[in-house]
Protein backbone atom coordinates (compact mmCIF):
# COMPACT_ATOMS: atom_id res chain seq x y z
CA MET A 1 -9.00 -5.13 45.85
CA ALA A 2 -9.39 -2.01 44.16
CA GLY A 3 -11.58 0.87 45.46
CA ASN A 4 -15.18 1.07 44.27
CA ASP A 5 -14.61 4.55 42.88
CA GLU A 6 -11.86 3.22 40.62
CA ILE A 7 -12.55 3.31 37.01
CA ARG A 8 -11.49 0.25 35.03
CA TYR A 9 -11.18 -0.05 31.31
CA CYS A 10 -14.25 -2.36 31.32
CA HIS A 11 -16.32 0.24 32.75
CA LYS A 12 -15.16 2.50 29.79
CA CYS A 13 -15.77 -0.38 27.22
CA SER A 14 -12.24 0.52 25.90
CA TYR A 15 -11.17 -2.81 25.76
CA VAL A 16 -14.21 -4.75 24.00
CA PHE A 17 -14.43 -1.49 21.56
CA LEU A 18 -10.68 -1.40 20.36
CA LYS A 19 -11.12 -5.56 20.14
CA LEU A 20 -13.95 -5.45 18.08
CA THR A 21 -12.65 -2.56 16.12
CA LEU A 22 -9.21 -4.30 15.53
CA PHE A 23 -10.81 -7.52 14.77
CA SER A 24 -13.22 -5.76 12.44
CA TYR A 25 -10.30 -4.10 10.44
CA ALA A 26 -8.21 -7.15 10.19
CA VAL A 27 -11.11 -9.48 8.91
CA ILE A 28 -11.91 -6.72 6.25
CA TRP A 29 -8.36 -6.30 4.80
CA TRP A 30 -8.02 -10.10 5.31
CA LEU A 31 -11.17 -10.80 2.95
CA ILE A 32 -9.60 -7.89 0.51
CA GLY A 33 -6.45 -9.72 0.25
CA GLY A 34 -8.07 -13.17 -0.17
CA CYS A 35 -10.18 -11.57 -3.26
CA MET A 36 -6.77 -9.91 -4.69
CA LEU A 37 -5.25 -13.45 -4.61
CA ALA A 38 -7.98 -15.18 -5.91
CA ILE A 39 -8.08 -12.53 -8.82
CA GLY A 40 -4.40 -12.61 -9.37
CA ILE A 41 -4.16 -16.36 -9.56
CA TYR A 42 -6.99 -16.37 -12.20
CA ALA A 43 -5.56 -13.84 -14.33
CA GLU A 44 -1.85 -15.75 -13.99
CA VAL A 45 -3.69 -18.63 -15.30
CA GLU A 46 -5.14 -17.24 -18.22
CA ARG A 47 -1.81 -15.36 -18.76
CA GLN A 48 -0.02 -18.84 -19.01
CA ARG A 49 -2.93 -20.05 -21.12
CA TYR A 50 -2.16 -17.61 -23.66
CA LYS A 51 1.53 -17.81 -23.25
CA THR A 52 2.12 -14.23 -22.57
CA LEU A 53 5.61 -13.06 -21.16
CA GLU A 54 6.70 -13.39 -17.82
CA GLY A 55 8.13 -10.04 -16.45
CA VAL A 56 6.57 -8.71 -13.32
CA PHE A 57 6.13 -5.62 -14.76
CA LEU A 58 4.38 -7.06 -17.74
CA ALA A 59 2.23 -9.15 -15.70
CA PRO A 60 -0.33 -7.22 -13.48
CA ALA A 61 -1.55 -10.73 -12.34
CA ILE A 62 1.87 -11.20 -10.51
CA ILE A 63 1.53 -7.91 -8.77
CA LEU A 64 -1.88 -9.17 -7.89
CA ILE A 65 -0.72 -12.19 -6.25
CA LEU A 66 2.04 -10.65 -4.44
CA LEU A 67 -0.08 -8.05 -3.02
CA GLY A 68 -2.69 -10.38 -2.02
CA ILE A 69 -0.39 -13.01 -0.40
CA LEU A 70 1.07 -9.75 1.76
CA MET A 71 -2.23 -8.40 2.93
CA PHE A 72 -3.80 -12.08 3.40
CA ILE A 73 -0.90 -13.10 5.63
CA VAL A 74 -0.57 -9.78 7.69
CA SER A 75 -4.38 -9.61 7.95
CA LEU A 76 -4.49 -13.21 9.42
CA ILE A 77 -1.71 -12.33 11.88
CA GLY A 78 -4.01 -9.30 13.18
CA VAL A 79 -7.39 -11.63 13.24
CA LEU A 80 -5.27 -14.15 15.09
CA ALA A 81 -3.99 -11.50 17.39
CA SER A 82 -7.31 -9.71 18.17
CA LEU A 83 -8.92 -13.03 18.75
CA ARG A 84 -5.96 -14.27 21.09
CA ASP A 85 -4.92 -11.21 22.76
CA ASN A 86 -1.54 -12.46 21.95
CA LEU A 87 1.00 -9.62 22.60
CA THR A 88 3.57 -11.09 20.21
CA LEU A 89 1.13 -11.19 17.34
CA LEU A 90 -0.25 -7.74 17.90
CA LYS A 91 3.13 -6.27 17.96
CA VAL A 92 4.29 -8.14 14.70
CA PHE A 93 0.75 -6.91 13.39
CA MET A 94 1.59 -3.40 14.38
CA TYR A 95 5.19 -3.25 13.36
CA THR A 96 4.55 -4.64 9.89
CA LEU A 97 1.87 -2.23 9.20
CA THR A 98 4.13 0.48 10.49
CA VAL A 99 7.04 -0.60 8.19
CA CYS A 100 4.74 -0.87 4.95
CA LEU A 101 3.50 2.48 5.68
CA ILE A 102 7.15 4.13 6.13
CA LEU A 103 7.96 2.34 3.22
CA GLU A 104 5.18 3.60 0.96
CA LEU A 105 6.05 7.06 2.39
CA LEU A 106 9.87 6.99 1.59
CA GLY A 107 9.04 5.60 -1.83
CA GLY A 108 6.91 8.45 -2.65
CA ILE A 109 9.54 10.70 -1.56
CA MET A 110 12.32 9.26 -3.40
CA ALA A 111 10.28 9.43 -6.34
CA LEU A 112 9.67 12.95 -6.13
CA LEU A 113 13.00 13.95 -5.27
CA PHE A 114 14.52 11.82 -8.19
CA ARG A 115 11.53 12.50 -10.53
CA ASN A 116 14.08 12.35 -13.57
CA GLN A 117 15.21 9.17 -12.90
CA THR A 118 11.91 7.74 -12.18
CA VAL A 119 10.51 9.07 -15.44
CA GLU A 120 13.28 7.54 -17.34
CA LEU A 121 12.79 4.11 -15.30
CA LEU A 122 9.00 4.18 -16.38
CA ASN A 123 9.84 5.25 -20.04
CA LYS A 124 12.55 2.30 -20.30
CA ASN A 125 10.01 -0.15 -18.83
CA ILE A 126 6.90 1.03 -21.23
CA ARG A 127 9.60 0.71 -24.29
CA ARG A 128 10.30 -2.71 -22.96
CA GLY A 129 6.62 -3.41 -23.18
CA ILE A 130 6.25 -2.01 -26.34
CA VAL A 131 8.84 -4.50 -27.92
CA ASN A 132 6.55 -7.34 -26.74
CA TYR A 133 3.38 -5.41 -27.48
CA TYR A 134 1.48 -8.23 -29.35
CA ASP A 135 2.74 -11.14 -27.56
CA ASP A 136 1.78 -9.72 -24.06
CA LEU A 137 -1.95 -9.15 -23.78
CA ASP A 138 -1.92 -7.91 -20.16
CA PHE A 139 0.29 -4.97 -21.33
CA LYS A 140 -1.37 -4.48 -24.83
CA ASN A 141 -4.69 -4.03 -22.77
CA ILE A 142 -3.19 -1.52 -20.55
CA MET A 143 -1.32 0.59 -23.35
CA ASP A 144 -4.40 0.66 -25.44
CA PHE A 145 -6.21 2.03 -22.63
CA VAL A 146 -3.91 4.50 -21.39
CA GLN A 147 -3.49 5.96 -25.15
CA LYS A 148 -7.08 6.35 -25.62
CA LYS A 149 -7.42 7.58 -22.07
CA PHE A 150 -4.99 10.20 -22.06
CA LYS A 151 -4.62 11.05 -25.83
CA CYS A 152 -1.08 9.99 -26.02
CA CYS A 153 1.22 7.59 -28.10
CA GLY A 154 4.19 5.58 -26.81
CA GLY A 155 6.15 6.28 -23.61
CA GLN A 156 8.39 9.11 -24.16
CA GLU A 157 7.14 9.87 -27.43
CA TYR A 158 5.21 8.37 -30.43
CA LYS A 159 8.63 7.19 -31.80
CA ASP A 160 9.13 4.65 -29.10
CA TRP A 161 7.09 2.21 -31.36
CA GLU A 162 10.11 1.91 -33.71
CA VAL A 163 11.43 -0.59 -31.15
CA ASN A 164 8.59 -3.12 -32.07
CA MET A 165 9.29 -5.51 -34.75
CA TYR A 166 6.18 -5.07 -36.38
CA HIS A 167 6.36 -1.36 -36.42
CA ASN A 168 9.87 -0.79 -37.12
CA CYS A 169 10.49 0.72 -40.47
CA SER A 170 12.61 -2.02 -41.80
CA ALA A 171 9.88 -4.63 -41.20
CA PRO A 172 7.65 -6.04 -43.90
CA GLY A 173 3.74 -5.71 -43.84
CA PRO A 174 1.18 -3.04 -43.45
CA LEU A 175 2.36 -2.23 -39.66
CA SER A 176 5.90 -0.92 -40.81
CA CYS A 177 6.81 2.58 -40.02
CA GLY A 178 3.18 2.89 -38.23
CA VAL A 179 1.38 2.90 -34.79
CA PRO A 180 -1.40 1.11 -33.29
CA TYR A 181 -4.75 2.75 -33.94
CA THR A 182 -5.23 3.76 -30.50
CA CYS A 183 -2.68 6.67 -31.06
CA CYS A 184 -5.15 8.20 -33.55
CA VAL A 185 -6.93 11.48 -33.05
CA THR A 186 -10.74 11.00 -33.19
CA THR A 187 -12.82 14.07 -33.42
CA LYS A 188 -15.92 12.56 -32.24
CA PRO A 189 -17.19 11.13 -29.01
CA ASN A 190 -17.34 7.14 -29.42
CA GLU A 191 -15.82 7.45 -32.91
CA VAL A 192 -14.47 4.15 -34.33
CA ALA A 193 -10.87 5.04 -35.24
CA ASN A 194 -9.66 3.66 -38.52
CA THR A 195 -7.37 0.61 -37.53
CA MET A 196 -4.61 1.70 -40.40
CA CYS A 197 -4.82 5.40 -39.49
CA GLY A 198 -1.31 5.34 -38.23
CA TYR A 199 0.03 4.00 -41.52
CA GLN A 200 3.82 5.25 -42.15
CA VAL A 201 3.59 8.03 -39.53
CA LEU A 202 6.87 7.38 -38.37
CA ASN A 203 8.61 8.52 -41.97
CA LYS A 204 6.54 11.90 -41.47
CA ALA A 205 7.54 15.16 -39.66
CA ARG A 206 6.33 15.79 -36.14
CA LEU A 207 4.35 18.72 -37.18
CA ASP A 208 2.64 16.94 -39.93
CA LEU A 209 0.97 14.44 -37.49
CA ILE A 210 -0.82 16.66 -35.35
CA ASP A 211 -4.15 16.03 -36.98
CA ILE A 212 -3.36 12.41 -37.37
CA ILE A 213 -2.09 10.80 -34.34
CA HIS A 214 -1.36 12.13 -30.36
CA ILE A 215 2.36 12.98 -30.89
CA ARG A 216 2.82 13.45 -27.12
CA GLY A 217 4.24 10.53 -24.92
CA CYS A 218 2.10 8.94 -22.44
CA THR A 219 4.51 9.52 -19.62
CA ASP A 220 4.14 13.40 -19.90
CA ALA A 221 0.39 12.90 -20.54
CA VAL A 222 -0.39 11.08 -17.24
CA PHE A 223 2.03 13.44 -15.29
CA ILE A 224 -0.03 16.53 -16.92
CA TRP A 225 -3.26 14.89 -15.91
CA LEU A 226 -2.09 14.24 -11.99
CA MET A 227 -1.24 17.62 -11.65
CA ASP A 228 -4.34 18.58 -13.36
CA ASN A 229 -6.49 16.35 -10.70
CA TYR A 230 -4.44 16.77 -7.65
CA LYS A 231 -7.40 16.88 -5.43
CA THR A 232 -8.31 13.43 -6.76
CA MET A 233 -4.81 12.22 -6.36
CA ALA A 234 -4.89 13.39 -2.84
CA GLY A 235 -7.89 11.62 -1.89
CA LEU A 236 -6.34 8.67 -3.63
CA LEU A 237 -3.31 8.69 -1.37
CA LEU A 238 -5.42 9.34 1.58
CA GLY A 239 -7.48 6.54 1.04
CA ILE A 240 -4.26 4.26 0.83
CA LEU A 241 -2.29 5.82 3.63
CA LEU A 242 -4.89 6.65 6.31
CA PRO A 243 -6.40 3.10 6.55
CA GLN A 244 -2.95 1.83 7.35
CA PHE A 245 -2.27 4.47 10.00
CA PHE A 246 -5.64 3.91 11.67
CA GLY A 247 -4.43 0.29 11.84
CA VAL A 248 -1.26 1.18 13.48
CA ILE A 249 -3.03 3.41 16.25
CA VAL A 250 -5.59 0.80 16.73
CA SER A 251 -3.19 -1.76 17.04
CA TRP A 252 -0.97 0.42 19.65
CA LEU A 253 -3.88 1.37 21.68
CA TYR A 254 -5.10 -2.42 21.93
CA ILE A 255 -1.47 -3.37 22.94
CA THR A 256 -1.51 -0.71 25.85
CA ARG A 257 -5.10 -2.06 26.91
CA VAL A 258 -4.03 -5.71 27.12
CA GLU A 259 -0.84 -4.82 28.75
CA ASP A 260 -2.68 -3.16 31.47
CA ALA A 261 -5.24 -5.64 31.75
CA ILE A 262 -2.79 -8.35 31.92
CA SER A 263 -0.92 -6.18 34.83
CA GLU A 264 -4.10 -6.01 36.60
CA TYR A 265 -5.39 -9.33 36.32
CA GLY A 266 -1.98 -10.57 37.58
CA ASN A 267 -2.31 -8.53 40.77
CA TYR A 268 -5.99 -9.66 41.24
CA MET A 269 -5.20 -13.39 40.89
CA ASP A 270 -2.15 -13.25 43.31
CA ASP A 271 -4.43 -11.63 46.32
CA LEU A 272 -8.09 -12.41 45.79
CA LEU A 273 -8.65 -15.98 44.12
CA ASP A 274 -9.18 -17.82 47.08
CA SER A 275 -12.55 -19.31 46.67
CA ARG A 276 -14.60 -21.51 43.66
CA GLY A 277 -17.23 -18.73 43.26
CA THR A 278 -14.47 -16.15 42.77
CA ARG A 279 -12.37 -18.58 40.32
CA LYS A 280 -15.33 -18.98 38.26
CA GLN A 281 -15.98 -15.44 37.91
CA ALA A 282 -12.35 -14.68 37.22
CA ARG A 283 -12.21 -17.31 34.54
CA VAL A 284 -15.23 -15.33 32.70
CA ALA A 285 -13.31 -12.05 33.24
CA LYS A 286 -10.08 -13.64 31.72
CA TRP A 287 -11.80 -13.87 28.62
CA PHE A 288 -12.52 -9.91 28.37
CA LYS A 289 -9.41 -9.08 30.41
CA CYS A 290 -11.69 -7.03 32.54
CA MET A 291 -12.01 -7.47 36.30
CA PRO A 292 -15.27 -7.99 37.97
CA GLU A 293 -16.52 -6.32 41.04
CA ILE A 294 -16.02 -8.02 44.41
CA ASP A 295 -17.77 -6.99 47.46
């Protein structure tokens, strides 16, 4: 029997506190993952309904589904592990969070180290999307928003629109040699742009277009915005990484508490459970992994 002056984890409420913290953490991300999965499935159903393209880059719905499945499964493991005090599930949950965190950090570092290759890959995917601009509503809505928000046109530059079959200069029709109206310069807030303001701009010199369309590419525009708003980006990155780091720390602390409690309970069971009343008391204690005081 332990001495009365011994401080056990149950007296400090560390076990209960960590259990409730980990359970709440897992449940919150489980619900978020479920919502993302539901939204992704709904968006994918609508995408298939309108027969848009199947490329992953061109289909945010697929990305939402994949992220939702990952978050839902991992968080469910965390919920079950915290409820059952299963060391195997707890370690799977902790190691999965750790691997995801490390991969995200490595991905960010690699993107910075190989910035030129990252930009080229991004421009390549944007041009791929521009080819199917009018066939993929997801990409069209994203591209229109980016061009309006960041006052840009195309990926690397406005001439990227030549790859679109409707905007190519060899194409028939009024869109030939033009760009979408979301590339057009507006001088007043909430001004409605002329939908034909980009007519035949691809045939004109770059300097002649300064007052007609935005000539800089959206890739450069977005990177400039990110550098100008580095505080916002730092906050966003911390908002993504810190919750995962918090989950790793809480999982690790909870695993140590469970292991210590199991060790203490095992010793306690070997020596002291010799009466009916003590066994009943021990069963209650087992639920909380916390040893009762016995005179």
